[in-house]
N, C-alpha and C. Protein backbone atom coordinates (compact mmCIF):
# COMPACT_ATOMS: atom_id res chain seq x y z
N MET A 1 0.90 -1.19 -0.09
CA MET A 1 -0.06 -0.04 0.02
C MET A 1 0.93 1.29 -0.07
N GLU A 2 0.57 2.12 -0.89
CA GLU A 2 1.31 3.44 -0.95
C GLU A 2 0.48 4.57 -0.28
N ILE A 3 0.94 5.46 0.44
CA ILE A 3 0.22 6.76 0.77
C ILE A 3 0.93 7.98 0.49
N ALA A 4 0.22 8.86 -0.04
CA ALA A 4 0.84 10.28 -0.31
C ALA A 4 -0.12 11.28 -0.01
N ILE A 5 0.40 12.37 -0.02
CA ILE A 5 -0.38 13.78 0.43
C ILE A 5 -0.26 14.66 -0.92
N THR A 6 -1.63 15.17 -1.33
CA THR A 6 -1.66 16.07 -2.38
C THR A 6 -2.65 17.14 -2.00
N LYS A 7 -2.81 18.15 -3.09
CA LYS A 7 -3.73 19.20 -2.83
C LYS A 7 -4.72 19.31 -3.82
N LEU A 8 -5.81 19.93 -3.41
CA LEU A 8 -6.94 20.17 -4.44
C LEU A 8 -6.67 21.61 -4.92
N SER A 9 -6.73 21.89 -6.28
CA SER A 9 -6.37 23.07 -6.86
C SER A 9 -7.70 24.05 -6.76
N SER A 10 -7.53 25.23 -6.94
CA SER A 10 -8.74 26.03 -7.27
C SER A 10 -9.84 25.72 -8.25
N LYS A 11 -9.31 24.94 -9.14
CA LYS A 11 -9.99 24.29 -10.35
C LYS A 11 -10.60 23.06 -10.06
N GLY A 12 -10.36 22.42 -8.76
CA GLY A 12 -10.92 21.23 -8.43
C GLY A 12 -10.06 20.10 -9.07
N GLN A 13 -8.83 20.48 -9.39
CA GLN A 13 -7.91 19.33 -9.91
C GLN A 13 -6.99 18.72 -8.68
N ILE A 14 -6.94 17.43 -8.92
CA ILE A 14 -5.99 16.67 -7.85
C ILE A 14 -4.75 16.20 -8.72
N VAL A 15 -3.66 16.52 -8.26
CA VAL A 15 -2.52 15.86 -8.85
C VAL A 15 -1.88 14.79 -8.22
N LEU A 16 -1.79 13.52 -9.01
CA LEU A 16 -1.41 12.34 -8.38
C LEU A 16 0.20 12.42 -8.34
N PRO A 17 0.72 11.94 -7.06
CA PRO A 17 2.07 12.16 -6.93
C PRO A 17 2.79 11.25 -8.12
N LEU A 18 3.92 11.60 -8.32
CA LEU A 18 4.65 11.08 -9.57
C LEU A 18 4.68 9.64 -9.54
N GLU A 19 5.21 9.16 -8.36
CA GLU A 19 5.29 7.56 -8.41
C GLU A 19 3.91 6.75 -8.64
N MET A 20 2.83 7.41 -8.20
CA MET A 20 1.43 6.94 -8.54
C MET A 20 1.15 7.12 -9.77
N ARG A 21 1.35 8.23 -10.39
CA ARG A 21 1.02 8.60 -11.68
C ARG A 21 1.60 7.79 -12.65
N LYS A 22 2.59 7.39 -12.51
CA LYS A 22 3.41 6.43 -13.49
C LYS A 22 2.67 5.09 -13.82
N LYS A 23 1.78 4.79 -12.83
CA LYS A 23 1.07 3.43 -13.00
C LYS A 23 -0.34 3.62 -13.82
N PHE A 24 -0.50 4.89 -14.30
CA PHE A 24 -1.61 5.11 -15.13
C PHE A 24 -1.19 5.52 -16.51
N ASN A 25 -2.15 5.40 -17.42
CA ASN A 25 -1.95 5.78 -18.81
C ASN A 25 -2.56 7.20 -19.03
N VAL A 26 -1.97 8.06 -19.87
CA VAL A 26 -2.60 9.43 -20.12
C VAL A 26 -3.88 9.11 -20.86
N GLY A 27 -4.99 9.77 -20.39
CA GLY A 27 -6.33 9.65 -20.78
C GLY A 27 -7.05 8.70 -20.22
N GLU A 28 -6.49 7.98 -19.35
CA GLU A 28 -7.12 6.69 -18.78
C GLU A 28 -8.30 7.32 -17.90
N LYS A 29 -9.46 6.75 -17.99
CA LYS A 29 -10.68 7.01 -17.33
C LYS A 29 -10.59 6.30 -15.69
N LEU A 30 -11.05 7.33 -14.81
CA LEU A 30 -11.05 7.01 -13.36
C LEU A 30 -12.31 7.14 -12.84
N LEU A 31 -12.87 6.36 -11.90
CA LEU A 31 -13.85 6.38 -11.23
C LEU A 31 -13.70 6.64 -9.80
N ILE A 32 -14.51 7.70 -9.50
CA ILE A 32 -14.15 8.30 -7.92
C ILE A 32 -15.52 8.06 -7.20
N ILE A 33 -15.49 7.24 -6.25
CA ILE A 33 -16.70 7.04 -5.12
C ILE A 33 -16.41 7.74 -4.00
N GLU A 34 -17.52 8.47 -3.61
CA GLU A 34 -17.45 9.05 -2.29
C GLU A 34 -18.34 8.30 -1.40
N ASP A 35 -18.02 7.96 -0.17
CA ASP A 35 -18.82 7.26 0.80
C ASP A 35 -18.29 7.91 2.14
N LYS A 36 -19.14 8.83 2.63
CA LYS A 36 -18.80 9.57 3.99
C LYS A 36 -17.57 10.43 3.53
N ASN A 37 -16.74 10.03 4.49
CA ASN A 37 -15.47 10.79 4.47
C ASN A 37 -14.46 10.11 3.69
N ARG A 38 -14.86 9.08 2.90
CA ARG A 38 -13.81 8.25 2.08
C ARG A 38 -14.04 8.48 0.64
N PHE A 39 -12.76 8.46 -0.12
CA PHE A 39 -12.85 8.56 -1.50
C PHE A 39 -12.21 7.39 -1.97
N ILE A 40 -12.86 6.56 -2.95
CA ILE A 40 -12.19 5.42 -3.65
C ILE A 40 -11.78 5.79 -5.06
N LEU A 41 -10.75 5.65 -5.49
CA LEU A 41 -10.38 5.88 -6.82
C LEU A 41 -10.05 4.63 -7.55
N LYS A 42 -10.81 4.29 -8.44
CA LYS A 42 -10.44 2.97 -9.28
C LYS A 42 -10.39 3.14 -10.81
N ARG A 43 -9.66 2.45 -11.61
CA ARG A 43 -9.72 2.55 -13.00
C ARG A 43 -10.97 2.11 -13.55
N ALA A 44 -11.57 2.83 -14.41
CA ALA A 44 -12.95 2.50 -15.01
C ALA A 44 -12.67 1.20 -15.78
N SER A 45 -11.60 0.78 -16.44
CA SER A 45 -11.44 -0.27 -17.22
C SER A 45 -11.43 -1.52 -16.23
N LYS A 46 -11.03 -1.23 -15.01
CA LYS A 46 -11.05 -2.46 -14.11
C LYS A 46 -12.38 -2.88 -13.30
N LEU A 47 -13.43 -2.33 -13.86
CA LEU A 47 -14.62 -2.57 -13.05
C LEU A 47 -15.04 -3.87 -13.40
N ASP A 48 -15.22 -4.79 -12.38
CA ASP A 48 -15.76 -6.09 -12.54
C ASP A 48 -16.38 -6.60 -11.31
N SER A 49 -16.45 -7.95 -11.07
CA SER A 49 -17.02 -8.30 -10.01
C SER A 49 -16.46 -7.95 -8.55
N GLU A 50 -15.01 -7.79 -8.53
CA GLU A 50 -14.48 -7.35 -7.41
C GLU A 50 -15.05 -6.08 -6.87
N PHE A 51 -15.34 -5.25 -7.79
CA PHE A 51 -16.11 -3.73 -7.35
C PHE A 51 -17.15 -3.93 -6.45
N ASN A 52 -18.07 -4.81 -6.83
CA ASN A 52 -19.33 -5.03 -5.90
C ASN A 52 -18.62 -5.59 -4.42
N ASP A 53 -17.80 -6.36 -4.41
CA ASP A 53 -17.07 -6.83 -3.25
C ASP A 53 -16.33 -5.73 -2.53
N ASP A 54 -15.73 -4.81 -3.25
CA ASP A 54 -15.31 -3.67 -2.63
C ASP A 54 -16.23 -2.84 -1.85
N LEU A 55 -17.39 -2.51 -2.65
CA LEU A 55 -18.37 -1.75 -1.80
C LEU A 55 -19.15 -2.45 -0.86
N LYS A 56 -19.24 -3.65 -0.70
CA LYS A 56 -19.72 -4.44 0.38
C LYS A 56 -18.81 -4.41 1.41
N PHE A 57 -17.54 -4.59 1.23
CA PHE A 57 -16.60 -4.45 2.45
C PHE A 57 -16.47 -3.29 2.92
N ALA A 58 -16.62 -2.03 2.15
CA ALA A 58 -16.66 -0.74 2.66
C ALA A 58 -17.73 -0.44 3.49
N LYS A 59 -18.82 -1.03 3.03
CA LYS A 59 -20.20 -0.78 3.92
C LYS A 59 -20.10 -1.53 5.26
N ARG A 60 -19.68 -2.69 5.26
CA ARG A 60 -19.63 -3.60 6.40
C ARG A 60 -18.48 -2.83 7.33
N SER A 61 -17.38 -2.29 6.69
CA SER A 61 -16.44 -1.67 7.68
C SER A 61 -17.02 -0.44 8.33
N ASP A 62 -17.74 0.37 7.54
CA ASP A 62 -18.44 1.65 8.16
C ASP A 62 -19.36 1.13 9.15
N GLU A 63 -20.20 0.06 8.96
CA GLU A 63 -21.24 -0.31 9.94
C GLU A 63 -20.59 -0.76 11.21
N ALA A 64 -19.41 -1.54 11.08
CA ALA A 64 -18.79 -2.08 12.33
C ALA A 64 -18.27 -0.83 13.33
N LEU A 65 -17.72 0.15 12.31
CA LEU A 65 -16.96 1.38 13.16
C LEU A 65 -18.05 1.96 13.76
N ASP A 66 -19.17 2.29 13.09
CA ASP A 66 -20.27 2.85 13.68
C ASP A 66 -20.84 2.28 15.07
N LYS A 67 -20.87 0.92 14.90
CA LYS A 67 -21.20 -0.02 16.45
C LYS A 67 -20.20 0.32 17.32
N ILE A 68 -18.88 0.39 16.92
CA ILE A 68 -17.77 0.48 17.86
C ILE A 68 -17.93 1.72 18.58
N LYS A 69 -18.11 2.99 17.81
CA LYS A 69 -18.20 4.30 18.34
C LYS A 69 -19.46 4.19 19.29
N ALA A 70 -20.41 3.61 18.86
CA ALA A 70 -21.77 3.73 19.79
C ALA A 70 -21.62 2.67 21.09
N GLY A 71 -20.49 1.92 21.22
CA GLY A 71 -20.10 1.12 22.25
C GLY A 71 -21.07 -0.20 22.07
N LYS A 72 -21.48 -0.51 20.81
CA LYS A 72 -22.11 -1.71 20.59
C LYS A 72 -21.36 -2.76 20.05
N PHE A 73 -20.50 -3.32 20.82
CA PHE A 73 -19.62 -4.34 20.30
C PHE A 73 -19.48 -5.35 21.44
N LYS A 74 -19.15 -6.77 20.96
CA LYS A 74 -19.00 -7.58 21.97
C LYS A 74 -17.63 -8.39 21.89
N THR A 75 -17.26 -9.01 23.02
CA THR A 75 -16.06 -9.64 23.03
C THR A 75 -16.28 -10.94 22.86
N MET A 76 -15.29 -11.93 22.27
CA MET A 76 -15.39 -13.28 22.09
C MET A 76 -13.97 -13.88 22.11
N ASN A 77 -13.72 -15.24 22.29
CA ASN A 77 -12.67 -15.63 22.21
C ASN A 77 -12.13 -15.93 20.74
N SER A 78 -11.05 -16.34 20.46
CA SER A 78 -10.56 -16.37 19.02
C SER A 78 -11.25 -17.49 18.17
N ASN A 79 -11.67 -18.68 18.70
CA ASN A 79 -12.25 -19.64 18.12
C ASN A 79 -13.79 -19.13 17.65
N ASN A 80 -14.51 -18.43 18.46
CA ASN A 80 -15.75 -17.80 18.16
C ASN A 80 -15.64 -16.80 17.17
N PHE A 81 -14.59 -15.98 17.29
CA PHE A 81 -14.41 -14.95 16.26
C PHE A 81 -14.15 -15.60 14.80
N LEU A 82 -13.21 -16.55 14.83
CA LEU A 82 -13.10 -17.14 13.47
C LEU A 82 -14.21 -17.79 12.91
N ASP A 83 -15.17 -18.37 13.86
CA ASP A 83 -16.38 -18.97 13.41
C ASP A 83 -17.30 -17.90 12.81
N GLU A 84 -17.42 -16.71 13.34
CA GLU A 84 -18.24 -15.54 12.97
C GLU A 84 -17.61 -15.16 11.74
N LEU A 85 -16.22 -14.94 11.58
CA LEU A 85 -15.68 -14.48 10.37
C LEU A 85 -15.89 -15.33 9.34
N ALA A 86 -15.92 -16.64 9.35
CA ALA A 86 -16.28 -17.64 8.26
C ALA A 86 -17.72 -17.44 7.87
N LYS A 87 -18.55 -16.84 8.53
CA LYS A 87 -19.94 -16.65 8.06
C LYS A 87 -20.03 -15.51 6.98
N TRP A 88 -18.81 -14.71 6.95
CA TRP A 88 -18.96 -13.53 6.06
C TRP A 88 -18.84 -13.94 4.63
């Protein structure tokens, strides 16, 4: 995973850092998804069945975080946790 910081210009443009930009082709179409405070950037040419899985995972993650923030979580031993995880 790579992490970088960039800025939004007055024209609404975002510059991808050089090392990340090298991984894209000029003119390549990108899909930007906003979900609360998260933005997901994906190649439009790479949309496939994994895309739906990505969205489901993001939704589950947000729901879990909301439950934790609300104090609605439970503790369990590792075996029970793995059993619950297998249901996903």
